[in-house]
């Protein structure tokens, strides 16, 4: 069984870059698993990338740290299967 830390390291070895949606999902699950619910102020209109990341993380509100880490590991494993790893 892959640990959360192993999955976080493994995702950096993917042979191809995941889609933006996949990256946002990974980001949101990572933040929810390590920080918890998003309590940061929402970025403004001049920061579309920051706003997308904020929205993705905020959508995970209420997911427990353990559940987010489990989902993150599963997502990384799916991406390794899809893209391969070095």
N, C-alpha and C. Protein backbone atom coordinates (compact mmCIF):
# COMPACT_ATOMS: atom_id res chain seq x y z
N UNK A 1 0.85 -1.20 0.00
CA UNK A 1 0.00 0.00 0.00
C UNK A 1 0.88 1.25 0.00
N UNK A 2 0.62 2.13 -0.91
CA UNK A 2 1.37 3.38 -1.02
C UNK A 2 0.95 4.33 0.09
N UNK A 3 1.92 4.99 0.71
CA UNK A 3 1.60 5.99 1.71
C UNK A 3 1.37 7.34 1.02
N UNK A 4 0.81 8.27 1.76
CA UNK A 4 0.55 9.60 1.23
C UNK A 4 1.85 10.27 0.78
N UNK A 5 2.90 10.14 1.60
CA UNK A 5 4.19 10.75 1.26
C UNK A 5 4.79 10.12 0.01
N UNK A 6 4.65 8.80 -0.13
CA UNK A 6 5.15 8.11 -1.32
C UNK A 6 4.40 8.58 -2.57
N UNK A 7 3.08 8.74 -2.43
CA UNK A 7 2.27 9.20 -3.56
C UNK A 7 2.67 10.62 -3.96
N UNK A 8 2.92 11.48 -2.97
CA UNK A 8 3.33 12.86 -3.26
C UNK A 8 4.67 12.89 -4.00
N UNK A 9 5.56 11.96 -3.68
CA UNK A 9 6.84 11.89 -4.38
C UNK A 9 6.66 11.26 -5.76
N UNK A 10 5.82 10.24 -5.85
CA UNK A 10 5.61 9.51 -7.09
C UNK A 10 4.99 10.39 -8.18
N UNK A 11 4.10 11.30 -7.79
CA UNK A 11 3.41 12.13 -8.78
C UNK A 11 4.41 13.03 -9.52
N UNK A 12 5.55 13.31 -8.91
CA UNK A 12 6.57 14.15 -9.55
C UNK A 12 7.36 13.38 -10.61
N UNK A 13 7.15 12.06 -10.70
CA UNK A 13 7.91 11.26 -11.67
C UNK A 13 7.07 10.84 -12.88
N UNK A 14 5.88 11.42 -13.03
CA UNK A 14 5.03 11.07 -14.18
C UNK A 14 5.74 11.40 -15.48
N UNK A 15 5.58 10.55 -16.49
CA UNK A 15 6.24 10.75 -17.78
C UNK A 15 5.61 11.89 -18.58
N UNK A 16 4.33 12.16 -18.34
CA UNK A 16 3.64 13.26 -19.03
C UNK A 16 2.88 14.07 -17.99
N UNK A 17 2.66 15.32 -18.32
CA UNK A 17 1.94 16.19 -17.39
C UNK A 17 0.44 15.91 -17.45
N UNK A 18 -0.18 15.74 -16.29
CA UNK A 18 -1.64 15.54 -16.26
C UNK A 18 -2.38 16.79 -16.77
N UNK A 19 -3.64 16.62 -17.07
CA UNK A 19 -4.46 17.76 -17.52
C UNK A 19 -4.63 18.76 -16.38
N UNK A 20 -5.07 19.96 -16.73
CA UNK A 20 -5.31 20.98 -15.71
C UNK A 20 -6.31 20.51 -14.66
N UNK A 21 -7.37 19.84 -15.11
CA UNK A 21 -8.38 19.33 -14.18
C UNK A 21 -7.79 18.30 -13.23
N UNK A 22 -6.93 17.43 -13.76
CA UNK A 22 -6.27 16.42 -12.92
C UNK A 22 -5.33 17.08 -11.92
N UNK A 23 -4.61 18.10 -12.37
CA UNK A 23 -3.70 18.82 -11.48
C UNK A 23 -4.47 19.55 -10.38
N UNK A 24 -5.61 20.14 -10.73
CA UNK A 24 -6.41 20.83 -9.72
C UNK A 24 -6.96 19.85 -8.70
N UNK A 25 -7.37 18.67 -9.16
CA UNK A 25 -7.87 17.64 -8.25
C UNK A 25 -6.77 17.20 -7.28
N UNK A 26 -5.57 16.98 -7.81
CA UNK A 26 -4.44 16.61 -6.96
C UNK A 26 -4.14 17.70 -5.94
N UNK A 27 -4.11 18.94 -6.40
CA UNK A 27 -3.83 20.07 -5.52
C UNK A 27 -4.85 20.14 -4.39
N UNK A 28 -6.13 20.05 -4.76
CA UNK A 28 -7.20 20.17 -3.76
C UNK A 28 -7.13 19.04 -2.73
N UNK A 29 -6.89 17.82 -3.19
CA UNK A 29 -6.81 16.69 -2.26
C UNK A 29 -5.58 16.81 -1.37
N UNK A 30 -4.47 17.26 -1.94
CA UNK A 30 -3.24 17.43 -1.15
C UNK A 30 -3.46 18.47 -0.05
N UNK A 31 -4.00 19.63 -0.44
CA UNK A 31 -4.24 20.70 0.54
C UNK A 31 -5.24 20.26 1.61
N UNK A 32 -6.31 19.58 1.19
CA UNK A 32 -7.31 19.13 2.15
C UNK A 32 -6.70 18.10 3.10
N UNK A 33 -5.84 17.25 2.58
CA UNK A 33 -5.21 16.22 3.40
C UNK A 33 -4.16 16.76 4.35
N UNK A 34 -3.49 17.84 3.96
CA UNK A 34 -2.40 18.36 4.79
C UNK A 34 -2.80 19.57 5.63
N UNK A 35 -3.73 20.40 5.13
CA UNK A 35 -4.10 21.63 5.83
C UNK A 35 -5.51 21.54 6.42
N UNK A 36 -6.42 20.87 5.69
CA UNK A 36 -7.82 20.82 6.13
C UNK A 36 -8.64 21.79 5.29
N UNK A 37 -9.79 22.18 5.81
CA UNK A 37 -10.69 23.06 5.07
C UNK A 37 -10.01 24.38 4.71
N UNK A 38 -10.35 24.88 3.53
CA UNK A 38 -9.82 26.14 3.03
C UNK A 38 -10.41 27.30 3.83
N UNK A 39 -9.55 28.06 4.48
CA UNK A 39 -10.00 29.24 5.23
C UNK A 39 -9.31 30.50 4.72
N UNK A 40 -8.62 30.40 3.59
CA UNK A 40 -7.90 31.55 3.04
C UNK A 40 -8.86 32.44 2.25
N UNK A 41 -8.54 33.73 2.12
CA UNK A 41 -9.39 34.61 1.32
C UNK A 41 -9.35 34.22 -0.16
N UNK A 42 -10.48 34.36 -0.84
CA UNK A 42 -10.56 34.02 -2.26
C UNK A 42 -9.76 35.02 -3.08
N UNK A 43 -8.90 34.51 -4.00
CA UNK A 43 -8.13 35.42 -4.86
C UNK A 43 -9.05 36.25 -5.76
N UNK A 44 -8.54 37.39 -6.18
CA UNK A 44 -9.32 38.30 -7.03
C UNK A 44 -9.35 37.89 -8.49
N UNK A 45 -10.04 38.68 -9.28
CA UNK A 45 -10.22 38.40 -10.71
C UNK A 45 -8.91 38.44 -11.49
N UNK A 46 -7.91 39.12 -10.97
CA UNK A 46 -6.64 39.24 -11.68
C UNK A 46 -5.74 38.03 -11.46
N UNK A 47 -6.22 37.05 -10.71
CA UNK A 47 -5.44 35.84 -10.43
C UNK A 47 -6.27 34.60 -10.78
N UNK A 48 -6.47 34.35 -12.09
CA UNK A 48 -7.33 33.22 -12.48
C UNK A 48 -6.79 31.85 -12.04
N UNK A 49 -5.46 31.68 -12.07
CA UNK A 49 -4.88 30.41 -11.64
C UNK A 49 -5.09 30.20 -10.15
N UNK A 50 -4.83 31.23 -9.37
CA UNK A 50 -5.04 31.15 -7.92
C UNK A 50 -6.50 30.91 -7.59
N UNK A 51 -7.39 31.54 -8.34
CA UNK A 51 -8.83 31.38 -8.12
C UNK A 51 -9.26 29.94 -8.42
N UNK A 52 -8.73 29.35 -9.50
CA UNK A 52 -9.07 27.97 -9.86
C UNK A 52 -8.60 27.01 -8.77
N UNK A 53 -7.38 27.24 -8.26
CA UNK A 53 -6.86 26.39 -7.20
C UNK A 53 -7.69 26.55 -5.92
N UNK A 54 -8.04 27.80 -5.60
CA UNK A 54 -8.85 28.08 -4.42
C UNK A 54 -10.20 27.38 -4.52
N UNK A 55 -10.85 27.49 -5.69
CA UNK A 55 -12.16 26.86 -5.89
C UNK A 55 -12.08 25.34 -5.78
N UNK A 56 -11.03 24.75 -6.35
CA UNK A 56 -10.86 23.29 -6.28
C UNK A 56 -10.71 22.84 -4.84
N UNK A 57 -9.88 23.55 -4.08
CA UNK A 57 -9.66 23.19 -2.68
C UNK A 57 -10.94 23.42 -1.88
N UNK A 58 -11.60 24.55 -2.11
CA UNK A 58 -12.81 24.88 -1.36
C UNK A 58 -13.91 23.84 -1.59
N UNK A 59 -13.91 23.22 -2.77
CA UNK A 59 -14.92 22.20 -3.09
C UNK A 59 -14.74 20.94 -2.23
N UNK A 60 -13.58 20.78 -1.62
CA UNK A 60 -13.31 19.61 -0.77
C UNK A 60 -13.66 19.87 0.69
N UNK A 61 -14.23 21.02 0.99
CA UNK A 61 -14.58 21.39 2.36
C UNK A 61 -15.41 20.29 3.01
N UNK A 62 -15.02 19.89 4.21
CA UNK A 62 -15.76 18.87 4.94
C UNK A 62 -15.20 17.47 4.77
N UNK A 63 -14.32 17.27 3.79
CA UNK A 63 -13.68 15.96 3.60
C UNK A 63 -12.60 15.83 4.67
N UNK A 64 -12.59 14.72 5.39
CA UNK A 64 -11.59 14.54 6.44
C UNK A 64 -10.20 14.42 5.84
N UNK A 65 -9.21 14.71 6.66
CA UNK A 65 -7.81 14.62 6.23
C UNK A 65 -7.50 13.20 5.75
N UNK A 66 -7.95 12.21 6.50
CA UNK A 66 -7.68 10.80 6.15
C UNK A 66 -8.33 10.44 4.82
N UNK A 67 -9.58 10.87 4.61
CA UNK A 67 -10.27 10.58 3.35
C UNK A 67 -9.59 11.28 2.18
N UNK A 68 -9.18 12.52 2.38
CA UNK A 68 -8.51 13.27 1.31
C UNK A 68 -7.20 12.59 0.94
N UNK A 69 -6.46 12.12 1.93
CA UNK A 69 -5.19 11.44 1.66
C UNK A 69 -5.44 10.13 0.91
N UNK A 70 -6.47 9.39 1.29
CA UNK A 70 -6.81 8.14 0.60
C UNK A 70 -7.18 8.42 -0.85
N UNK A 71 -7.99 9.46 -1.07
CA UNK A 71 -8.39 9.83 -2.44
C UNK A 71 -7.18 10.31 -3.25
N UNK A 72 -6.27 11.03 -2.60
CA UNK A 72 -5.06 11.51 -3.27
C UNK A 72 -4.21 10.33 -3.75
N UNK A 73 -4.01 9.36 -2.87
CA UNK A 73 -3.22 8.17 -3.23
C UNK A 73 -3.86 7.46 -4.42
N UNK A 74 -5.18 7.29 -4.39
CA UNK A 74 -5.89 6.62 -5.48
C UNK A 74 -5.74 7.40 -6.78
N UNK A 75 -5.82 8.73 -6.70
CA UNK A 75 -5.69 9.58 -7.89
C UNK A 75 -4.28 9.46 -8.47
N UNK A 76 -3.27 9.47 -7.62
CA UNK A 76 -1.88 9.34 -8.09
C UNK A 76 -1.69 7.98 -8.76
N UNK A 77 -2.21 6.92 -8.15
CA UNK A 77 -2.08 5.58 -8.75
C UNK A 77 -2.75 5.54 -10.12
N UNK A 78 -3.91 6.18 -10.25
CA UNK A 78 -4.61 6.21 -11.55
C UNK A 78 -3.78 6.98 -12.58
N UNK A 79 -3.15 8.06 -12.16
CA UNK A 79 -2.33 8.85 -13.08
C UNK A 79 -1.07 8.11 -13.48
N UNK A 80 -0.48 7.36 -12.57
CA UNK A 80 0.70 6.55 -12.90
C UNK A 80 0.32 5.51 -13.94
N UNK A 81 -0.85 4.90 -13.77
CA UNK A 81 -1.34 3.91 -14.75
C UNK A 81 -1.57 4.59 -16.11
N UNK A 82 -2.15 5.79 -16.08
CA UNK A 82 -2.48 6.50 -17.31
C UNK A 82 -1.25 7.06 -18.04
N UNK A 83 -0.32 7.66 -17.29
CA UNK A 83 0.80 8.37 -17.90
C UNK A 83 2.15 7.64 -17.77
N UNK A 84 2.23 6.68 -16.85
CA UNK A 84 3.51 6.01 -16.58
C UNK A 84 4.37 6.89 -15.69
N UNK A 85 5.40 6.28 -15.10
CA UNK A 85 6.31 7.08 -14.28
C UNK A 85 7.74 6.69 -14.60
N UNK A 86 8.62 7.64 -14.38
CA UNK A 86 10.03 7.43 -14.70
C UNK A 86 10.72 6.55 -13.68
